[in-house]
PDB file of all heavy atoms in Angstrom:
ATOM      1  N   ARG A   1      -6.308  14.141   1.129  1.00  0.00           N
ATOM      2  CA  ARG A   1      -6.877  13.266   0.044  1.00  0.00           C
ATOM      3  C   ARG A   1      -6.753  11.847   0.574  1.00  0.00           C
ATOM      4  O   ARG A   1      -5.680  11.442   0.991  1.00  0.00           O
ATOM      5  CB  ARG A   1      -6.069  13.463  -1.155  1.00  0.00           C
ATOM      6  CG  ARG A   1      -6.562  12.650  -2.306  1.00  0.00           C
ATOM      7  CD  ARG A   1      -5.810  12.992  -3.582  1.00  0.00           C
ATOM      8  NE  ARG A   1      -6.068  12.055  -4.587  1.00  0.00           N
ATOM      9  CZ  ARG A   1      -5.150  11.192  -5.072  1.00  0.00           C
ATOM     10  NH1 ARG A   1      -3.915  11.245  -4.639  1.00  0.00           N
ATOM     11  NH2 ARG A   1      -5.488  10.294  -5.962  1.00  0.00           N
ATOM     12  N   ARG A   2      -7.860  11.144   0.519  1.00  0.00           N
ATOM     13  CA  ARG A   2      -7.863   9.696   1.045  1.00  0.00           C
ATOM     14  C   ARG A   2      -7.667   8.769  -0.112  1.00  0.00           C
ATOM     15  O   ARG A   2      -8.497   8.721  -1.020  1.00  0.00           O
ATOM     16  CB  ARG A   2      -9.189   9.459   1.702  1.00  0.00           C
ATOM     17  CG  ARG A   2      -9.349  10.228   2.999  1.00  0.00           C
ATOM     18  CD  ARG A   2     -10.717  10.008   3.554  1.00  0.00           C
ATOM     19  NE  ARG A   2     -11.745  10.524   2.600  1.00  0.00           N
ATOM     20  CZ  ARG A   2     -12.964  10.831   2.982  1.00  0.00           C
ATOM     21  NH1 ARG A   2     -13.402  10.635   4.192  1.00  0.00           N
ATOM     22  NH2 ARG A   2     -13.827  11.347   2.118  1.00  0.00           N
ATOM     23  N   VAL A   3      -6.543   8.097  -0.135  1.00  0.00           N
ATOM     24  CA  VAL A   3      -6.253   7.072  -1.111  1.00  0.00           C
ATOM     25  C   VAL A   3      -6.153   5.728  -0.439  1.00  0.00           C
ATOM     26  O   VAL A   3      -5.402   5.612   0.547  1.00  0.00           O
ATOM     27  CB  VAL A   3      -5.000   7.419  -1.857  1.00  0.00           C
ATOM     28  CG1 VAL A   3      -4.647   6.304  -2.878  1.00  0.00           C
ATOM     29  CG2 VAL A   3      -5.044   8.772  -2.537  1.00  0.00           C
ATOM     30  N   TYR A   4      -6.920   4.752  -0.899  1.00  0.00           N
ATOM     31  CA  TYR A   4      -6.894   3.490  -0.298  1.00  0.00           C
ATOM     32  C   TYR A   4      -6.244   2.484  -1.213  1.00  0.00           C
ATOM     33  O   TYR A   4      -6.737   2.194  -2.338  1.00  0.00           O
ATOM     34  CB  TYR A   4      -8.324   3.049   0.011  1.00  0.00           C
ATOM     35  CG  TYR A   4      -8.981   3.897   1.051  1.00  0.00           C
ATOM     36  CD1 TYR A   4      -9.853   4.935   0.605  1.00  0.00           C
ATOM     37  CD2 TYR A   4      -8.692   3.778   2.360  1.00  0.00           C
ATOM     38  CE1 TYR A   4     -10.387   5.807   1.528  1.00  0.00           C
ATOM     39  CE2 TYR A   4      -9.256   4.628   3.291  1.00  0.00           C
ATOM     40  CZ  TYR A   4     -10.137   5.662   2.835  1.00  0.00           C
ATOM     41  OH  TYR A   4     -10.658   6.482   3.775  1.00  0.00           O
ATOM     42  N   ALA A   5      -5.114   1.991  -0.806  1.00  0.00           N
ATOM     43  CA  ALA A   5      -4.268   1.082  -1.605  1.00  0.00           C
ATOM     44  C   ALA A   5      -4.981  -0.299  -1.688  1.00  0.00           C
ATOM     45  O   ALA A   5      -5.763  -0.681  -0.759  1.00  0.00           O
ATOM     46  CB  ALA A   5      -2.895   0.923  -1.036  1.00  0.00           C
ATOM     47  N   THR A   6      -4.538  -1.042  -2.649  1.00  0.00           N
ATOM     48  CA  THR A   6      -5.092  -2.464  -2.761  1.00  0.00           C
ATOM     49  C   THR A   6      -4.483  -3.290  -1.597  1.00  0.00           C
ATOM     50  O   THR A   6      -3.492  -2.929  -1.006  1.00  0.00           O
ATOM     51  CB  THR A   6      -4.700  -3.122  -4.057  1.00  0.00           C
ATOM     52  OG1 THR A   6      -3.238  -3.233  -4.140  1.00  0.00           O
ATOM     53  CG2 THR A   6      -5.146  -2.261  -5.297  1.00  0.00           C
ATOM     54  N   PRO A   7      -5.235  -4.356  -1.197  1.00  0.00           N
ATOM     55  CA  PRO A   7      -4.640  -5.232  -0.148  1.00  0.00           C
ATOM     56  C   PRO A   7      -3.240  -5.720  -0.467  1.00  0.00           C
ATOM     57  O   PRO A   7      -2.370  -5.879   0.386  1.00  0.00           O
ATOM     58  CB  PRO A   7      -5.635  -6.347  -0.136  1.00  0.00           C
ATOM     59  CG  PRO A   7      -6.936  -5.761  -0.602  1.00  0.00           C
ATOM     60  CD  PRO A   7      -6.474  -4.808  -1.657  1.00  0.00           C
ATOM     61  N   GLU A   8      -3.004  -6.002  -1.737  1.00  0.00           N
ATOM     62  CA  GLU A   8      -1.641  -6.453  -2.083  1.00  0.00           C
ATOM     63  C   GLU A   8      -0.617  -5.390  -1.827  1.00  0.00           C
ATOM     64  O   GLU A   8       0.470  -5.683  -1.413  1.00  0.00           O
ATOM     65  CB  GLU A   8      -1.666  -6.838  -3.598  1.00  0.00           C
ATOM     66  CG  GLU A   8      -2.500  -8.031  -3.951  1.00  0.00           C
ATOM     67  CD  GLU A   8      -3.988  -7.687  -4.080  1.00  0.00           C
ATOM     68  OE1 GLU A   8      -4.344  -6.545  -4.206  1.00  0.00           O
ATOM     69  OE2 GLU A   8      -4.798  -8.642  -4.066  1.00  0.00           O
ATOM     70  N   ALA A   9      -0.937  -4.164  -2.105  1.00  0.00           N
ATOM     71  CA  ALA A   9       0.061  -3.028  -1.941  1.00  0.00           C
ATOM     72  C   ALA A   9       0.253  -2.849  -0.408  1.00  0.00           C
ATOM     73  O   ALA A   9       1.416  -2.586   0.051  1.00  0.00           O
ATOM     74  CB  ALA A   9      -0.452  -1.746  -2.530  1.00  0.00           C
ATOM     75  N   VAL A  10      -0.797  -2.952   0.416  1.00  0.00           N
ATOM     76  CA  VAL A  10      -0.669  -2.836   1.822  1.00  0.00           C
ATOM     77  C   VAL A  10       0.234  -3.979   2.406  1.00  0.00           C
ATOM     78  O   VAL A  10       1.096  -3.760   3.224  1.00  0.00           O
ATOM     79  CB  VAL A  10      -2.078  -2.861   2.514  1.00  0.00           C
ATOM     80  CG1 VAL A  10      -1.947  -2.893   4.066  1.00  0.00           C
ATOM     81  CG2 VAL A  10      -2.858  -1.658   2.085  1.00  0.00           C
ATOM     82  N   ALA A  11       0.007  -5.215   1.896  1.00  0.00           N
ATOM     83  CA  ALA A  11       0.765  -6.347   2.345  1.00  0.00           C
ATOM     84  C   ALA A  11       2.249  -6.164   1.973  1.00  0.00           C
ATOM     85  O   ALA A  11       3.154  -6.465   2.757  1.00  0.00           O
ATOM     86  CB  ALA A  11       0.199  -7.670   1.762  1.00  0.00           C
ATOM     87  N   ALA A  12       2.501  -5.704   0.771  1.00  0.00           N
ATOM     88  CA  ALA A  12       3.897  -5.405   0.290  1.00  0.00           C
ATOM     89  C   ALA A  12       4.597  -4.410   1.181  1.00  0.00           C
ATOM     90  O   ALA A  12       5.752  -4.543   1.595  1.00  0.00           O
ATOM     91  CB  ALA A  12       3.945  -5.061  -1.110  1.00  0.00           C
ATOM     92  N   ALA A  13       3.853  -3.324   1.580  1.00  0.00           N
ATOM     93  CA  ALA A  13       4.447  -2.300   2.413  1.00  0.00           C
ATOM     94  C   ALA A  13       4.709  -2.846   3.819  1.00  0.00           C
ATOM     95  O   ALA A  13       5.738  -2.576   4.383  1.00  0.00           O
ATOM     96  CB  ALA A  13       3.477  -1.145   2.441  1.00  0.00           C
ATOM     97  N   ALA A  14       3.752  -3.587   4.342  1.00  0.00           N
ATOM     98  CA  ALA A  14       3.999  -4.237   5.683  1.00  0.00           C
ATOM     99  C   ALA A  14       5.166  -5.178   5.666  1.00  0.00           C
ATOM    100  O   ALA A  14       5.975  -5.177   6.615  1.00  0.00           O
ATOM    101  CB  ALA A  14       2.711  -4.972   6.076  1.00  0.00           C
ATOM    102  N   ASP A  15       5.278  -5.990   4.588  1.00  0.00           N
ATOM    103  CA  ASP A  15       6.435  -6.891   4.492  1.00  0.00           C
ATOM    104  C   ASP A  15       7.734  -6.133   4.488  1.00  0.00           C
ATOM    105  O   ASP A  15       8.677  -6.467   5.162  1.00  0.00           O
ATOM    106  CB  ASP A  15       6.239  -7.727   3.214  1.00  0.00           C
ATOM    107  CG  ASP A  15       7.327  -8.781   3.120  1.00  0.00           C
ATOM    108  OD1 ASP A  15       7.345  -9.689   3.984  1.00  0.00           O
ATOM    109  OD2 ASP A  15       8.169  -8.728   2.180  1.00  0.00           O
ATOM    110  N   SER A  16       7.746  -5.036   3.731  1.00  0.00           N
ATOM    111  CA  SER A  16       8.939  -4.212   3.654  1.00  0.00           C
ATOM    112  C   SER A  16       9.322  -3.575   5.033  1.00  0.00           C
ATOM    113  O   SER A  16      10.490  -3.619   5.382  1.00  0.00           O
ATOM    114  CB  SER A  16       8.727  -3.104   2.587  1.00  0.00           C
ATOM    115  OG  SER A  16       9.875  -2.292   2.551  1.00  0.00           O
ATOM    116  N   ILE A  17       8.296  -3.141   5.739  1.00  0.00           N
ATOM    117  CA  ILE A  17       8.568  -2.563   7.047  1.00  0.00           C
ATOM    118  C   ILE A  17       9.116  -3.602   8.018  1.00  0.00           C
ATOM    119  O   ILE A  17      10.063  -3.374   8.776  1.00  0.00           O
ATOM    120  CB  ILE A  17       7.256  -1.935   7.630  1.00  0.00           C
ATOM    121  CG1 ILE A  17       6.882  -0.689   6.818  1.00  0.00           C
ATOM    122  CG2 ILE A  17       7.368  -1.634   9.117  1.00  0.00           C
ATOM    123  CD1 ILE A  17       5.497  -0.142   7.137  1.00  0.00           C
ATOM    124  N   VAL A  18       8.547  -4.843   7.958  1.00  0.00           N
ATOM    125  CA  VAL A  18       9.007  -5.878   8.866  1.00  0.00           C
ATOM    126  C   VAL A  18      10.431  -6.295   8.501  1.00  0.00           C
ATOM    127  O   VAL A  18      11.275  -6.493   9.409  1.00  0.00           O
ATOM    128  CB  VAL A  18       8.066  -7.097   8.793  1.00  0.00           C
ATOM    129  CG1 VAL A  18       8.619  -8.336   9.393  1.00  0.00           C
ATOM    130  CG2 VAL A  18       6.695  -6.729   9.440  1.00  0.00           C
ATOM    131  N   HIS A  19      10.742  -6.416   7.235  1.00  0.00           N
ATOM    132  CA  HIS A  19      12.071  -6.953   6.830  1.00  0.00           C
ATOM    133  C   HIS A  19      13.147  -5.931   6.740  1.00  0.00           C
ATOM    134  O   HIS A  19      14.324  -6.295   6.975  1.00  0.00           O
ATOM    135  CB  HIS A  19      11.866  -7.762   5.490  1.00  0.00           C
ATOM    136  CG  HIS A  19      11.170  -9.016   5.717  1.00  0.00           C
ATOM    137  ND1 HIS A  19       9.868  -9.185   5.507  1.00  0.00           N
ATOM    138  CD2 HIS A  19      11.545 -10.275   6.208  1.00  0.00           C
ATOM    139  CE1 HIS A  19       9.476 -10.385   5.771  1.00  0.00           C
ATOM    140  NE2 HIS A  19      10.512 -11.048   6.221  1.00  0.00           N
ATOM    141  N   ILE A  20      12.842  -4.721   6.309  1.00  0.00           N
ATOM    142  CA  ILE A  20      13.958  -3.736   6.247  1.00  0.00           C
ATOM    143  C   ILE A  20      13.743  -2.503   7.173  1.00  0.00           C
ATOM    144  O   ILE A  20      14.561  -1.585   7.117  1.00  0.00           O
ATOM    145  CB  ILE A  20      14.203  -3.301   4.781  1.00  0.00           C
ATOM    146  CG1 ILE A  20      12.984  -2.611   4.170  1.00  0.00           C
ATOM    147  CG2 ILE A  20      14.580  -4.462   3.892  1.00  0.00           C
ATOM    148  CD1 ILE A  20      13.277  -1.983   2.806  1.00  0.00           C
ATOM    149  N   GLY A  21      12.649  -2.491   7.882  1.00  0.00           N
ATOM    150  CA  GLY A  21      12.480  -1.362   8.823  1.00  0.00           C
ATOM    151  C   GLY A  21      11.809  -0.111   8.166  1.00  0.00           C
ATOM    152  O   GLY A  21      11.643   0.908   8.914  1.00  0.00           O
ATOM    153  N   ARG A  22      11.496  -0.166   6.997  1.00  0.00           N
ATOM    154  CA  ARG A  22      10.831   1.017   6.373  1.00  0.00           C
ATOM    155  C   ARG A  22      10.048   0.547   5.141  1.00  0.00           C
ATOM    156  O   ARG A  22      10.311  -0.518   4.587  1.00  0.00           O
ATOM    157  CB  ARG A  22      11.814   2.105   6.011  1.00  0.00           C
ATOM    158  CG  ARG A  22      12.867   1.667   4.965  1.00  0.00           C
ATOM    159  CD  ARG A  22      13.903   2.778   4.684  1.00  0.00           C
ATOM    160  NE  ARG A  22      15.007   2.246   3.973  1.00  0.00           N
ATOM    161  CZ  ARG A  22      15.005   2.144   2.639  1.00  0.00           C
ATOM    162  NH1 ARG A  22      13.934   2.403   1.903  1.00  0.00           N
ATOM    163  NH2 ARG A  22      16.073   1.632   2.074  1.00  0.00           N
ATOM    164  N   SER A  23       9.150   1.346   4.689  1.00  0.00           N
ATOM    165  CA  SER A  23       8.361   0.980   3.518  1.00  0.00           C
ATOM    166  C   SER A  23       9.130   1.479   2.312  1.00  0.00           C
ATOM    167  O   SER A  23       9.962   2.409   2.351  1.00  0.00           O
ATOM    168  CB  SER A  23       6.981   1.598   3.496  1.00  0.00           C
ATOM    169  OG  SER A  23       7.042   2.987   3.570  1.00  0.00           O
ATOM    170  N   SER A  24       8.836   0.896   1.154  1.00  0.00           N
ATOM    171  CA  SER A  24       9.511   1.312  -0.091  1.00  0.00           C
ATOM    172  C   SER A  24       9.031   2.727  -0.451  1.00  0.00           C
ATOM    173  O   SER A  24       7.960   3.052  -0.055  1.00  0.00           O
ATOM    174  CB  SER A  24       9.245   0.322  -1.198  1.00  0.00           C
ATOM    175  OG  SER A  24       7.966   0.304  -1.534  1.00  0.00           O
ATOM    176  N   ALA A  25       9.840   3.415  -1.229  1.00  0.00           N
ATOM    177  CA  ALA A  25       9.430   4.741  -1.641  1.00  0.00           C
ATOM    178  C   ALA A  25       8.619   4.748  -2.939  1.00  0.00           C
ATOM    179  O   ALA A  25       8.181   5.775  -3.420  1.00  0.00           O
ATOM    180  CB  ALA A  25      10.706   5.597  -1.817  1.00  0.00           C
ATOM    181  N   GLU A  26       8.435   3.580  -3.489  1.00  0.00           N
ATOM    182  CA  GLU A  26       7.675   3.467  -4.819  1.00  0.00           C
ATOM    183  C   GLU A  26       6.203   3.851  -4.505  1.00  0.00           C
ATOM    184  O   GLU A  26       5.562   3.497  -3.571  1.00  0.00           O
ATOM    185  CB  GLU A  26       7.829   2.110  -5.381  1.00  0.00           C
ATOM    186  CG  GLU A  26       6.791   1.080  -5.055  1.00  0.00           C
ATOM    187  CD  GLU A  26       7.033  -0.251  -5.666  1.00  0.00           C
ATOM    188  OE1 GLU A  26       8.222  -0.733  -5.712  1.00  0.00           O
ATOM    189  OE2 GLU A  26       6.078  -0.795  -6.193  1.00  0.00           O
ATOM    190  N   ALA A  27       5.696   4.546  -5.472  1.00  0.00           N
ATOM    191  CA  ALA A  27       4.315   4.971  -5.464  1.00  0.00           C
ATOM    192  C   ALA A  27       3.369   3.867  -6.054  1.00  0.00           C
ATOM    193  O   ALA A  27       3.821   3.184  -6.916  1.00  0.00           O
ATOM    194  CB  ALA A  27       4.107   6.289  -6.247  1.00  0.00           C
ATOM    195  N   HIS A  28       2.199   3.801  -5.501  1.00  0.00           N
ATOM    196  CA  HIS A  28       1.287   2.710  -6.033  1.00  0.00           C
ATOM    197  C   HIS A  28       0.136   3.528  -6.704  1.00  0.00           C
ATOM    198  O   HIS A  28      -0.544   4.298  -6.080  1.00  0.00           O
ATOM    199  CB  HIS A  28       0.714   1.861  -4.903  1.00  0.00           C
ATOM    200  CG  HIS A  28       1.810   1.147  -4.201  1.00  0.00           C
ATOM    201  ND1 HIS A  28       2.410  -0.018  -4.699  1.00  0.00           N
ATOM    202  CD2 HIS A  28       2.512   1.375  -3.054  1.00  0.00           C
ATOM    203  CE1 HIS A  28       3.349  -0.432  -3.941  1.00  0.00           C
ATOM    204  NE2 HIS A  28       3.441   0.379  -2.878  1.00  0.00           N
ATOM    205  N   ASP A  29      -0.055   3.248  -7.918  1.00  0.00           N
ATOM    206  CA  ASP A  29      -1.126   3.974  -8.729  1.00  0.00           C
ATOM    207  C   ASP A  29      -2.482   3.324  -8.579  1.00  0.00           C
ATOM    208  O   ASP A  29      -3.469   3.968  -8.806  1.00  0.00           O
ATOM    209  CB  ASP A  29      -0.663   4.063 -10.190  1.00  0.00           C
ATOM    210  CG  ASP A  29       0.520   4.889 -10.439  1.00  0.00           C
ATOM    211  OD1 ASP A  29       0.770   5.878  -9.589  1.00  0.00           O
ATOM    212  OD2 ASP A  29       1.299   4.599 -11.351  1.00  0.00           O
ATOM    213  N   GLU A  30      -2.519   2.057  -8.306  1.00  0.00           N
ATOM    214  CA  GLU A  30      -3.758   1.354  -8.220  1.00  0.00           C
ATOM    215  C   GLU A  30      -4.480   1.529  -6.942  1.00  0.00           C
ATOM    216  O   GLU A  30      -3.808   1.483  -5.881  1.00  0.00           O
ATOM    217  CB  GLU A  30      -3.574  -0.136  -8.465  1.00  0.00           C
ATOM    218  CG  GLU A  30      -4.815  -0.958  -8.647  1.00  0.00           C
ATOM    219  CD  GLU A  30      -4.537  -2.406  -8.987  1.00  0.00           C
ATOM    220  OE1 GLU A  30      -3.397  -2.827  -9.134  1.00  0.00           O
ATOM    221  OE2 GLU A  30      -5.535  -3.159  -8.956  1.00  0.00           O
ATOM    222  N   GLU A  31      -5.779   1.861  -6.938  1.00  0.00           N
ATOM    223  CA  GLU A  31      -6.533   2.056  -5.775  1.00  0.00           C
ATOM    224  C   GLU A  31      -7.496   0.852  -5.571  1.00  0.00           C
ATOM    225  O   GLU A  31      -7.921   0.286  -6.569  1.00  0.00           O
ATOM    226  CB  GLU A  31      -7.311   3.368  -5.765  1.00  0.00           C
ATOM    227  CG  GLU A  31      -7.971   3.662  -4.441  1.00  0.00           C
ATOM    228  CD  GLU A  31      -8.535   5.038  -4.431  1.00  0.00           C
ATOM    229  OE1 GLU A  31      -9.412   5.342  -5.281  1.00  0.00           O
ATOM    230  OE2 GLU A  31      -8.239   5.769  -3.552  1.00  0.00           O
ATOM    231  N   TRP A  32      -7.735   0.554  -4.337  1.00  0.00           N
ATOM    232  CA  TRP A  32      -8.703  -0.500  -3.987  1.00  0.00           C
ATOM    233  C   TRP A  32     -10.043  -0.254  -4.611  1.00  0.00           C
ATOM    234  O   TRP A  32     -10.588   0.863  -4.534  1.00  0.00           O
ATOM    235  CB  TRP A  32      -8.750  -0.551  -2.523  1.00  0.00           C
ATOM    236  CG  TRP A  32      -9.567  -1.676  -1.950  1.00  0.00           C
ATOM    237  CD1 TRP A  32      -9.561  -2.976  -2.370  1.00  0.00           C
ATOM    238  CD2 TRP A  32     -10.506  -1.562  -0.844  1.00  0.00           C
ATOM    239  NE1 TRP A  32     -10.412  -3.741  -1.532  1.00  0.00           N
ATOM    240  CE2 TRP A  32     -11.013  -2.897  -0.637  1.00  0.00           C
ATOM    241  CE3 TRP A  32     -10.951  -0.552  -0.040  1.00  0.00           C
ATOM    242  CZ2 TRP A  32     -11.913  -3.157   0.396  1.00  0.00           C
ATOM    243  CZ3 TRP A  32     -11.878  -0.839   0.937  1.00  0.00           C
ATOM    244  CH2 TRP A  32     -12.347  -2.118   1.140  1.00  0.00           C
ATOM    245  N   PRO A  33     -10.634  -1.213  -5.282  1.00  0.00           N
ATOM    246  CA  PRO A  33     -11.930  -1.004  -5.954  1.00  0.00           C
ATOM    247  C   PRO A  33     -13.078  -0.596  -5.020  1.00  0.00           C
ATOM    248  O   PRO A  33     -14.038   0.023  -5.431  1.00  0.00           O
ATOM    249  CB  PRO A  33     -12.263  -2.361  -6.574  1.00  0.00           C
ATOM    250  CG  PRO A  33     -10.921  -3.040  -6.751  1.00  0.00           C
ATOM    251  CD  PRO A  33     -10.099  -2.598  -5.584  1.00  0.00           C
ATOM    252  N   GLN A  34     -12.977  -0.872  -3.693  1.00  0.00           N
ATOM    253  CA  GLN A  34     -14.034  -0.521  -2.780  1.00  0.00           C
ATOM    254  C   GLN A  34     -13.779   0.907  -2.114  1.00  0.00           C
ATOM    255  O   GLN A  34     -14.588   1.277  -1.246  1.00  0.00           O
ATOM    256  CB  GLN A  34     -14.103  -1.551  -1.623  1.00  0.00           C
ATOM    257  CG  GLN A  34     -14.357  -2.953  -2.172  1.00  0.00           C
ATOM    258  CD  GLN A  34     -15.698  -3.064  -2.895  1.00  0.00           C
ATOM    259  OE1 GLN A  34     -16.711  -2.437  -2.521  1.00  0.00           O
ATOM    260  NE2 GLN A  34     -15.787  -3.781  -3.996  1.00  0.00           N
ATOM    261  N   ALA A  35     -12.748   1.605  -2.627  1.00  0.00           N
ATOM    262  CA  ALA A  35     -12.463   2.878  -2.014  1.00  0.00           C
ATOM    263  C   ALA A  35     -13.633   3.915  -2.025  1.00  0.00           C
ATOM    264  O   ALA A  35     -13.835   4.614  -1.031  1.00  0.00           O
ATOM    265  CB  ALA A  35     -11.244   3.478  -2.717  1.00  0.00           C
ATOM    266  N   ASP A  36     -14.337   3.957  -3.068  1.00  0.00           N
ATOM    267  CA  ASP A  36     -15.494   4.885  -3.171  1.00  0.00           C
ATOM    268  C   ASP A  36     -16.528   4.626  -2.157  1.00  0.00           C
ATOM    269  O   ASP A  36     -17.094   5.469  -1.527  1.00  0.00           O
ATOM    270  CB  ASP A  36     -16.077   4.927  -4.569  1.00  0.00           C
ATOM    271  CG  ASP A  36     -15.204   5.547  -5.587  1.00  0.00           C
ATOM    272  OD1 ASP A  36     -14.340   6.413  -5.222  1.00  0.00           O
ATOM    273  OD2 ASP A  36     -15.383   5.270  -6.800  1.00  0.00           O
ATOM    274  N   ALA A  37     -16.789   3.326  -1.875  1.00  0.00           N
ATOM    275  CA  ALA A  37     -17.799   2.972  -0.868  1.00  0.00           C
ATOM    276  C   ALA A  37     -17.276   3.318   0.578  1.00  0.00           C
ATOM    277  O   ALA A  37     -18.088   3.798   1.348  1.00  0.00           O
ATOM    278  CB  ALA A  37     -18.057   1.477  -0.864  1.00  0.00           C
TER     279      ALA A  37
END
């Protein structure tokens, strides 16, 4: 299943990886509006 996160969620995950070495375990319910395209 392809789920495309919002740019904000991707940036938050990247920030978490850079600062603590892993992404957070929290789920993101919002999908990027351009995902269908």
